[in-house]
Amino acid sequence: MVLPWLLLEIACRAVLGSAEAALCGLTSIKGNCHDFYTAISKDVTYKEIKNLLNSKNIMLIDVREIWEILEYRKIPGSINVPLDEVGEALQMNPRDFKEKYNEVKPSKSDS
């Protein structure tokens, strides 16, 4: 069984790249048809992420598949968007995003 804190760390690294992204903002990179956001990689501790989530200063996108959420539970305060859907999901209009993921769509200004 994978430990919950490890899943949190994996999810955070996969989407945010680092806590630095949440603390310092993300850099936009223009792609062919999508805007991608990235940050310099930095290890993130469970305590750092927990504090950021509690402070409401970040929006955490959990990129695990649905079966992983069902088996290991949802990360409290996160939005689940499977990794292969992230690019398309972030291009959706807010109404469609809410309908599909039952969450408010992150804006470009969200950390």
N, C-alpha and C. Protein backbone atom coordinates (compact mmCIF):
# COMPACT_ATOMS: atom_id res chain seq x y z
N MET A 1 0.84 -1.18 0.00
CA MET A 1 0.00 0.00 0.00
C MET A 1 0.88 1.25 0.00
N VAL A 2 0.53 2.21 -0.79
CA VAL A 2 1.27 3.47 -0.86
C VAL A 2 0.80 4.36 0.28
N LEU A 3 1.74 4.97 0.98
CA LEU A 3 1.39 5.83 2.09
C LEU A 3 0.72 7.10 1.60
N PRO A 4 -0.30 7.61 2.33
CA PRO A 4 -1.02 8.81 1.88
C PRO A 4 -0.11 10.01 1.64
N TRP A 5 0.90 10.20 2.48
CA TRP A 5 1.78 11.36 2.30
C TRP A 5 2.59 11.24 1.02
N LEU A 6 2.91 9.99 0.62
CA LEU A 6 3.64 9.78 -0.63
C LEU A 6 2.75 10.12 -1.82
N LEU A 7 1.49 9.72 -1.76
CA LEU A 7 0.56 10.07 -2.83
C LEU A 7 0.42 11.57 -2.95
N LEU A 8 0.35 12.25 -1.83
CA LEU A 8 0.25 13.69 -1.84
C LEU A 8 1.47 14.30 -2.49
N GLU A 9 2.64 13.79 -2.15
CA GLU A 9 3.88 14.31 -2.72
C GLU A 9 3.93 14.07 -4.23
N ILE A 10 3.52 12.88 -4.65
CA ILE A 10 3.52 12.56 -6.08
C ILE A 10 2.57 13.48 -6.82
N ALA A 11 1.38 13.67 -6.29
CA ALA A 11 0.38 14.53 -6.94
C ALA A 11 0.88 15.97 -7.03
N CYS A 12 1.48 16.43 -5.97
CA CYS A 12 1.97 17.81 -5.96
C CYS A 12 3.09 18.01 -6.95
N ARG A 13 4.01 17.07 -7.02
CA ARG A 13 5.12 17.19 -7.97
C ARG A 13 4.63 17.12 -9.40
N ALA A 14 3.62 16.28 -9.64
CA ALA A 14 3.13 16.09 -11.00
C ALA A 14 2.47 17.35 -11.55
N VAL A 15 1.74 18.07 -10.72
CA VAL A 15 1.01 19.22 -11.22
C VAL A 15 1.72 20.52 -10.92
N LEU A 16 2.07 20.74 -9.70
CA LEU A 16 2.69 22.00 -9.34
C LEU A 16 4.15 22.05 -9.72
N GLY A 17 4.81 20.91 -9.65
CA GLY A 17 6.25 20.90 -9.89
C GLY A 17 6.98 21.20 -8.62
N SER A 18 6.40 22.01 -7.76
CA SER A 18 7.05 22.35 -6.50
C SER A 18 6.18 23.25 -5.66
N ALA A 19 6.53 23.34 -4.40
CA ALA A 19 5.86 24.29 -3.52
C ALA A 19 6.24 25.69 -3.93
N GLU A 20 7.40 25.82 -4.57
CA GLU A 20 7.84 27.13 -5.04
C GLU A 20 6.83 27.71 -6.02
N ALA A 21 6.20 26.85 -6.81
CA ALA A 21 5.17 27.32 -7.73
C ALA A 21 4.03 27.96 -6.96
N ALA A 22 3.65 27.34 -5.86
CA ALA A 22 2.56 27.88 -5.06
C ALA A 22 2.97 29.14 -4.33
N LEU A 23 4.20 29.20 -3.93
CA LEU A 23 4.67 30.34 -3.15
C LEU A 23 5.09 31.51 -4.02
N CYS A 24 5.65 31.25 -5.17
CA CYS A 24 6.23 32.31 -6.00
C CYS A 24 5.49 32.53 -7.30
N GLY A 25 4.52 31.71 -7.61
CA GLY A 25 3.78 31.87 -8.87
C GLY A 25 4.32 30.97 -9.96
N LEU A 26 3.55 30.82 -11.00
CA LEU A 26 3.92 29.95 -12.10
C LEU A 26 4.34 30.76 -13.31
N THR A 27 5.16 30.18 -14.13
CA THR A 27 5.62 30.82 -15.35
C THR A 27 4.84 30.24 -16.52
N SER A 28 4.29 31.08 -17.36
CA SER A 28 3.52 30.64 -18.51
C SER A 28 4.45 30.32 -19.67
N ILE A 29 4.17 29.21 -20.34
CA ILE A 29 4.90 28.83 -21.55
C ILE A 29 3.86 28.62 -22.64
N LYS A 30 3.96 29.37 -23.72
CA LYS A 30 2.99 29.24 -24.81
C LYS A 30 3.30 27.99 -25.62
N GLY A 31 2.28 27.14 -25.81
CA GLY A 31 2.43 25.95 -26.63
C GLY A 31 1.68 26.12 -27.92
N ASN A 32 1.59 25.05 -28.72
CA ASN A 32 0.88 25.11 -29.99
C ASN A 32 -0.58 25.50 -29.80
N CYS A 33 -1.27 24.81 -28.89
CA CYS A 33 -2.68 25.12 -28.70
C CYS A 33 -3.05 25.21 -27.23
N HIS A 34 -2.08 25.15 -26.34
CA HIS A 34 -2.36 25.23 -24.92
C HIS A 34 -1.35 26.16 -24.26
N ASP A 35 -1.75 26.76 -23.17
CA ASP A 35 -0.81 27.47 -22.31
C ASP A 35 -0.43 26.50 -21.20
N PHE A 36 0.84 26.27 -21.00
CA PHE A 36 1.29 25.38 -19.95
C PHE A 36 1.94 26.19 -18.85
N TYR A 37 1.88 25.69 -17.66
CA TYR A 37 2.47 26.39 -16.52
C TYR A 37 3.48 25.47 -15.86
N THR A 38 4.61 26.03 -15.48
CA THR A 38 5.67 25.23 -14.92
C THR A 38 6.39 26.03 -13.84
N ALA A 39 7.24 25.36 -13.10
CA ALA A 39 8.03 26.03 -12.07
C ALA A 39 9.30 25.23 -11.86
N ILE A 40 10.26 25.86 -11.22
CA ILE A 40 11.51 25.19 -10.88
C ILE A 40 11.20 24.11 -9.86
N SER A 41 11.76 22.92 -10.05
CA SER A 41 11.48 21.80 -9.17
C SER A 41 12.09 22.00 -7.79
N LYS A 42 11.33 21.62 -6.76
CA LYS A 42 11.77 21.70 -5.37
C LYS A 42 11.02 20.64 -4.60
N ASP A 43 11.70 19.95 -3.68
CA ASP A 43 11.02 18.96 -2.87
C ASP A 43 9.98 19.66 -1.98
N VAL A 44 8.86 19.00 -1.81
CA VAL A 44 7.77 19.54 -1.02
C VAL A 44 7.49 18.57 0.12
N THR A 45 7.42 19.09 1.31
CA THR A 45 7.11 18.22 2.45
C THR A 45 5.61 18.16 2.64
N TYR A 46 5.17 17.14 3.32
CA TYR A 46 3.75 16.98 3.65
C TYR A 46 3.27 18.20 4.45
N LYS A 47 4.08 18.63 5.39
CA LYS A 47 3.71 19.77 6.25
C LYS A 47 3.55 21.05 5.43
N GLU A 48 4.45 21.29 4.46
CA GLU A 48 4.35 22.48 3.61
C GLU A 48 3.05 22.49 2.81
N ILE A 49 2.73 21.35 2.20
CA ILE A 49 1.51 21.27 1.41
C ILE A 49 0.28 21.41 2.30
N LYS A 50 0.30 20.75 3.44
CA LYS A 50 -0.83 20.85 4.37
C LYS A 50 -1.06 22.31 4.79
N ASN A 51 0.03 23.02 5.09
CA ASN A 51 -0.09 24.42 5.48
C ASN A 51 -0.62 25.28 4.34
N LEU A 52 -0.14 25.03 3.12
CA LEU A 52 -0.63 25.78 1.96
C LEU A 52 -2.11 25.52 1.70
N LEU A 53 -2.52 24.26 1.81
CA LEU A 53 -3.93 23.93 1.61
C LEU A 53 -4.80 24.58 2.69
N ASN A 54 -4.33 24.54 3.93
CA ASN A 54 -5.08 25.15 5.03
C ASN A 54 -5.19 26.66 4.87
N SER A 55 -4.16 27.28 4.30
CA SER A 55 -4.15 28.74 4.13
C SER A 55 -4.97 29.17 2.91
N LYS A 56 -5.42 28.20 2.09
CA LYS A 56 -6.19 28.48 0.87
C LYS A 56 -5.39 29.29 -0.14
N ASN A 57 -4.05 29.23 -0.08
CA ASN A 57 -3.20 29.97 -1.01
C ASN A 57 -2.86 29.20 -2.28
N ILE A 58 -3.29 27.94 -2.36
CA ILE A 58 -3.04 27.15 -3.57
C ILE A 58 -4.29 26.39 -3.95
N MET A 59 -4.33 25.95 -5.18
CA MET A 59 -5.35 25.04 -5.66
C MET A 59 -4.58 23.79 -6.10
N LEU A 60 -4.81 22.68 -5.41
CA LEU A 60 -4.10 21.44 -5.68
C LEU A 60 -4.91 20.57 -6.63
N ILE A 61 -4.31 20.24 -7.77
CA ILE A 61 -4.94 19.34 -8.74
C ILE A 61 -4.30 17.97 -8.58
N ASP A 62 -5.11 17.02 -8.16
CA ASP A 62 -4.68 15.64 -7.96
C ASP A 62 -4.84 14.93 -9.30
N VAL A 63 -3.75 14.49 -9.91
CA VAL A 63 -3.78 13.95 -11.27
C VAL A 63 -3.90 12.43 -11.33
N ARG A 64 -4.23 11.82 -10.19
CA ARG A 64 -4.39 10.36 -10.21
C ARG A 64 -5.67 9.97 -10.94
N GLU A 65 -5.71 8.73 -11.40
CA GLU A 65 -6.89 8.19 -12.08
C GLU A 65 -8.01 7.96 -11.05
N ILE A 66 -9.24 7.86 -11.54
CA ILE A 66 -10.40 7.68 -10.68
C ILE A 66 -10.25 6.45 -9.78
N TRP A 67 -9.75 5.35 -10.33
CA TRP A 67 -9.62 4.14 -9.53
C TRP A 67 -8.64 4.35 -8.36
N GLU A 68 -7.63 5.19 -8.57
CA GLU A 68 -6.68 5.48 -7.49
C GLU A 68 -7.34 6.30 -6.39
N ILE A 69 -8.19 7.24 -6.78
CA ILE A 69 -8.93 8.04 -5.80
C ILE A 69 -9.85 7.12 -4.99
N LEU A 70 -10.54 6.22 -5.67
CA LEU A 70 -11.44 5.30 -4.98
C LEU A 70 -10.69 4.37 -4.03
N GLU A 71 -9.52 3.92 -4.46
CA GLU A 71 -8.74 2.99 -3.63
C GLU A 71 -8.00 3.67 -2.48
N TYR A 72 -7.40 4.84 -2.75
CA TYR A 72 -6.54 5.49 -1.75
C TYR A 72 -7.15 6.75 -1.13
N ARG A 73 -8.33 7.16 -1.60
CA ARG A 73 -9.06 8.33 -1.13
C ARG A 73 -8.55 9.62 -1.75
N LYS A 74 -9.43 10.60 -1.73
CA LYS A 74 -9.15 11.92 -2.27
C LYS A 74 -8.27 12.71 -1.32
N ILE A 75 -7.39 13.50 -1.86
CA ILE A 75 -6.58 14.40 -1.03
C ILE A 75 -7.50 15.55 -0.63
N PRO A 76 -7.73 15.74 0.67
CA PRO A 76 -8.64 16.80 1.10
C PRO A 76 -8.22 18.16 0.53
N GLY A 77 -9.19 18.87 0.00
CA GLY A 77 -8.93 20.19 -0.56
C GLY A 77 -8.44 20.18 -1.99
N SER A 78 -8.32 19.01 -2.61
CA SER A 78 -7.80 18.93 -3.98
C SER A 78 -8.94 18.77 -4.99
N ILE A 79 -8.60 19.00 -6.24
CA ILE A 79 -9.49 18.75 -7.37
C ILE A 79 -8.88 17.58 -8.14
N ASN A 80 -9.69 16.56 -8.45
CA ASN A 80 -9.17 15.44 -9.21
C ASN A 80 -9.41 15.65 -10.70
N VAL A 81 -8.32 15.75 -11.46
CA VAL A 81 -8.35 15.80 -12.92
C VAL A 81 -7.26 14.82 -13.37
N PRO A 82 -7.64 13.65 -13.90
CA PRO A 82 -6.62 12.68 -14.32
C PRO A 82 -5.58 13.32 -15.24
N LEU A 83 -4.34 12.89 -15.09
CA LEU A 83 -3.20 13.48 -15.79
C LEU A 83 -3.42 13.63 -17.29
N ASP A 84 -3.98 12.61 -17.93
CA ASP A 84 -4.17 12.70 -19.38
C ASP A 84 -5.28 13.66 -19.79
N GLU A 85 -6.01 14.22 -18.82
CA GLU A 85 -7.07 15.18 -19.11
C GLU A 85 -6.71 16.62 -18.72
N VAL A 86 -5.59 16.83 -18.06
CA VAL A 86 -5.25 18.15 -17.52
C VAL A 86 -5.20 19.23 -18.60
N GLY A 87 -4.47 19.00 -19.67
CA GLY A 87 -4.34 20.01 -20.72
C GLY A 87 -5.68 20.43 -21.28
N GLU A 88 -6.52 19.46 -21.60
CA GLU A 88 -7.85 19.75 -22.15
C GLU A 88 -8.74 20.41 -21.09
N ALA A 89 -8.67 19.92 -19.86
CA ALA A 89 -9.52 20.45 -18.78
C ALA A 89 -9.26 21.92 -18.53
N LEU A 90 -7.99 22.32 -18.56
CA LEU A 90 -7.66 23.71 -18.28
C LEU A 90 -8.02 24.64 -19.44
N GLN A 91 -8.37 24.07 -20.58
CA GLN A 91 -8.82 24.86 -21.73
C GLN A 91 -10.35 24.96 -21.80
N MET A 92 -11.04 24.19 -20.95
CA MET A 92 -12.51 24.19 -20.96
C MET A 92 -13.06 25.52 -20.44
N ASN A 93 -14.29 25.81 -20.83
CA ASN A 93 -14.93 26.98 -20.23
C ASN A 93 -15.35 26.57 -18.80
N PRO A 94 -15.48 27.55 -17.91
CA PRO A 94 -15.76 27.25 -16.50
C PRO A 94 -17.02 26.40 -16.27
N ARG A 95 -18.07 26.64 -17.06
CA ARG A 95 -19.31 25.87 -16.88
C ARG A 95 -19.09 24.38 -17.20
N ASP A 96 -18.40 24.09 -18.30
CA ASP A 96 -18.14 22.70 -18.68
C ASP A 96 -17.22 22.02 -17.67
N PHE A 97 -16.22 22.76 -17.18
CA PHE A 97 -15.31 22.21 -16.17
C PHE A 97 -16.09 21.83 -14.92
N LYS A 98 -16.96 22.72 -14.46
CA LYS A 98 -17.77 22.47 -13.26
C LYS A 98 -18.67 21.25 -13.46
N GLU A 99 -19.25 21.14 -14.65
CA GLU A 99 -20.13 20.02 -14.95
C GLU A 99 -19.36 18.69 -14.94
N LYS A 100 -18.18 18.67 -15.53
CA LYS A 100 -17.41 17.43 -15.64
C LYS A 100 -16.71 17.04 -14.35
N TYR A 101 -16.10 18.02 -13.65
CA TYR A 101 -15.27 17.70 -12.48
C TYR A 101 -15.93 18.08 -11.15
N ASN A 102 -17.11 18.69 -11.21
CA ASN A 102 -17.85 19.09 -10.01
C ASN A 102 -17.04 20.02 -9.11
N GLU A 103 -16.21 20.83 -9.71
CA GLU A 103 -15.36 21.79 -8.99
C GLU A 103 -15.26 23.06 -9.81
N VAL A 104 -14.89 24.16 -9.16
CA VAL A 104 -14.67 25.42 -9.85
C VAL A 104 -13.36 25.32 -10.61
N LYS A 105 -13.37 25.75 -11.86
CA LYS A 105 -12.17 25.69 -12.70
C LYS A 105 -11.11 26.66 -12.16
N PRO A 106 -9.86 26.18 -12.05
CA PRO A 106 -8.78 27.10 -11.64
C PRO A 106 -8.59 28.19 -12.69
N SER A 107 -8.31 29.39 -12.24
CA SER A 107 -8.04 30.46 -13.18
C SER A 107 -6.53 30.56 -13.38
N LYS A 108 -6.10 31.29 -14.41
CA LYS A 108 -4.68 31.43 -14.69
C LYS A 108 -3.94 32.13 -13.56
N SER A 109 -4.66 32.89 -12.74
CA SER A 109 -4.01 33.61 -11.64
C SER A 109 -3.91 32.77 -10.38
N ASP A 110 -4.56 31.60 -10.34
CA ASP A 110 -4.48 30.71 -9.17
C ASP A 110 -3.11 30.07 -9.06
N SER A 111 -2.64 29.94 -7.84
CA SER A 111 -1.39 29.20 -7.61
C SER A 111 -1.70 27.74 -7.49
